[in-house]
Amino acid sequence: MSLFKARDWWSTVLGEKEEFDQGCLCLADVDNTGNGQGDGAQAEDLLLEVHLRDPILQVEVGKFVSGTEMLHLAVLHSRKLCVYSVSGTLGNVEHGNQYQIKLMYEHNLQRIACNMTYGSFGGVKGRDLICIQSMDGMLMVFEQESYAFGRFLPGSLLPGPLAYSSRTDSFITVSSCRQVESYKYQVLAFATDADKRQETEQQKLGSGKRLVVDWTLNIGEQALDICIVSFNQSASSVFVLGERNFFCLKDNGQIRFMKKLDCSPSCFLPYCSVSEGTVNTLIGNHNNVLHIYQDVTLKWATQLPHIPVAVRVGCLHDLKGVVVTLSDDGHLQCSYLGTDPSLFQAPKVESRELNYDELDIELKELQKIIKDVNKSQGVWPMTEREDDLKVSAMVSPNFDSVSQATDVEVGADLVPSVTVKITLQNRVALQKVKLSVYVQPPLVLTCDQFTFEFMAPEMTRTVGFSVYLKGSYLPPELEGNAVVSYSRPTDRNPDGIPRVSQCKFRLPLKLICLPGQPSKAASHKLTIDTNKSPVSLLSLFPGFANQSEDDQVNVMGFRFLGGSQVTLLASKTSQRYRIQSEQFEDLWLITNELIIRLQEYFEKQEIKDFACSFSGSMPLQEYFELIDHHFELRINGEKLEELLSERAVQFRAIQRRLLTRFKDKTPAPLQHLDTLLDGTYKQVIALADAVEENQDNLFQSFTRLKSATHLVILLIGLWQKLSTDQIAILEAAFLPLQQDTQELGWEETVDAAISHLLKTCLSKSSKEQALNLSSQLSTPKDTSRLKKHITLLCDRLAKGGRLCLSTDAAAPQTMVMPGGCATIPESDLEERSIEQDSTELFTNHKHLIVETPMPEVSPLQGVSE
């Protein structure tokens, strides 16, 4: 918005409920008085108003009548061109002068007109010819009272703006191909007649000429208007107003300069500047602003009361530089730029001595008011803030009678869906309430966004949606989250204070899992110890009992919809549970579900001292294999994208060479460029498919990595009996990202977080605390550093380290060392010296399972202990 407004000199409103366009304004001495003012006319006088019956497309003033060089008015209708003479008669009465309009001649058009231009076509002297462009791309030339010829523009689809350059004797337009085209008048005159578009036998033998464009320039956008400005007889410029830019071209079509516009333009008018070699341009836009440019430099901006569709500059009543603008609804205004001097003078302020005691009293009173307001109506009001909106979720205990699963990729299994209902209960009036629901992929929702513009006080809203498994792999969590953002209006803030409430819900295990056959052997096993007698698995998992094996109460099989299987065994004599599967990450959901259901079972029995523990070896080697696979897919994705970029550059280079060959007037051999283009195109498509496939594999790998990470965090918490706050620190360090990208990956983010823990709360000396972490994350070369830091983290937790984010955590801790434990290394050299021992301690998972056999657990004879 401009600081200055256009100074209104004179304005009026034309017609009633009429529409105007850029061709509806013309500024000229139409009555041939020689001074452009009219004999004794005032600016507010309406000189002439005539009803012409037909809609008017464009008006122009020029030397359109033969035998005279007087100016006449040309009016273009859709099917007719009329030329009028406007004259005035000196009045002898108080009504003033009288003006008349007289029809000199008219041409009935065979085609629907679009616009017109005029000029001294072919270098004629003392008269102007008219060229009309039809809606189907035909140029019709009229030599005043007679029709000369008509020519179709080649390849015309939709008509564009049309202008005539007298210096080059050519017509300039912008075609529907978004390119500026110039046609010589002589070429048009001698080309094939428009009424004979089919080739005759004489034309085949060589008579007649084909219409050839003089020059073209691709501007890449549609044009709103074209204007020709001549500096002198030796140079002129072609100005083109586009949808986002305006261009200044030389006579031969070369770009002199261009300017990118900040706002959508509505009209423009170039005119000669007072500075030699420069051009001023008025550009009106849809923000009611008129910009004045000198070449590409913005010199002035002024605010208009309307959106201009046409603008002209003229001299009215000896006032030079009057800007005449017309809006689409008929507001005609004559204005000038600049500012009016302000006659207001501020009065002198009476000086008085300040009473500092009174100011202190007033300041204390204001501070007290501010303090009271902050307590009662602050940014976050303290009174009953939690009761503004209550969010609750209810998961249906049964599956949907008709599954809502669509486009699933699970396989032959019938994928069920379950309904979840979210209830919103508000105590006060709320605005802009938006409910967003999130679940972990490949779980999907039938609808995840709900919007309520207004909720009245004491109102209850319930929405429902279904959840189902879409992919062939497992989600890292069965927990969903419903987040509600809303605004609560206050007296001080009617728009409302933004707030957020959320509610979590847990999806049933049976949504992704079916009863399965227990397996006797598995590659990966975990043993969870408890301090209570084992519970029957049938009572813990009542929906997963296998009907054919009801006697096996201590063993249960689970088959996920993706195809993998997990076996759960409960010991008959000891207080242990074993979970085993062929895939390490598949252990997580069943292990977590087992612990949750055990806790709920003993809570119902009112037993409060139930606890779980893990005494086996940490399965870091299996975890590291998933990390390496994920990192390998990341590196492979970078290589594929780099190769795809190279092939795309090669493809564009071949295209440019082929285009150059095709444009050449003397065609040259292609030299197998077409074959090379086809081969490169196939490579680009193949690489693009490979990139998409790698991205899908990377997403699945990241999901499996998150499942394994949850399992490792759970085992570390059970192993070291960590508190809830310490487990939250581990989750923040190991699971910092919801989505893995090439720019910010899981490996470098987790490595930075674990390094921070090792150098702060888990540090052994002040020397480690002095080490600074890099502030910039980048993709590592490999995962060896990350795996070493994870191993060190487990090692230091095993030697008594504790996780804490308080300020005193930076102080070196005195750790209680168990017997036989090595000291924590203080340098990378010491880290390397214990790396092998740490690996043996935490990764030889299978060997430790054999060394610590579990007592008889089930009737499944032959299960590897």
Foldseek 3Di string as FASTA:
>chain_A
DAPAAFFFPDWDFDDDQAFDFAQADDQDCQQPPPPSADDPDDPPDDQDDDDPPADWQHKDWAQQAPPDRHIWIWTDGQFKIWIKHKHWDADDDPVGIHIDIGTPAMDGHPAGWHDKEKDDAPPDPSGIKIWTAGQQAKTWIANRRGTQAIDHDPPADGFFAWYADPLQNWIWGAGPQQKIWIFHSVLVNQADGPVCPDDDPVVVVPHHDHGDTQDMGHPPFGWDYWDKEALDSPWIWIWTHGQFKIFIATPNGHTPDMEGHPAGWQEKDWYPDPDRPWIWMWTFGQVQKIFIDTRHRTDRIHHHPAGFNYWDFQAYPNRHGWIWTAHGSGMTTTGHDDDDDDPDDDDDDDDDDDDVVVVVVVVVVVVVVVVVCCQDPNLQHPPCSVQQKDKDKDKDPDWDPDAPDDQAALPPDDQTKTKMKIKIFGAAKWAFKKKAKDDFPPKDKPDGIDTDGIDHHGDMDMDMIIIIHRYLDDFLFQKMKIKIWIFDADPVRRVGRIDMDMDMDGDDPVNFKAWDDADQEEDDKFKKAKPDADDFVCVLCVRRDDPVCNVWRFKTKMATSSGWIKIWGFANPHRMIMIGTHALLVRQVVVVSVVVSVVVVVVVVVDDPMAMAGDAFAALVSLVVLVQVLLVLLVVLVVLVVVLVVLVVVLVVLVVVVVVQVPDPDHDDSVCSVVVNVVSVVVNVVSVVVNVVSVVVSQSSVSSSSSNLSVSLVNLCRHLVADPVQSVLSCCLQPVDPDADSADGRQQSNLQSLLVQCQALLDADVLSVPDDDDPDTHSDPGNPSVSLSVLLVSLSSVQAGGDDDDPVSRDHDDTHGPPPRDDRDPDVVVSVVCVVVSCVRRNPRVVRCQVDDDPHTTPPPNRDD
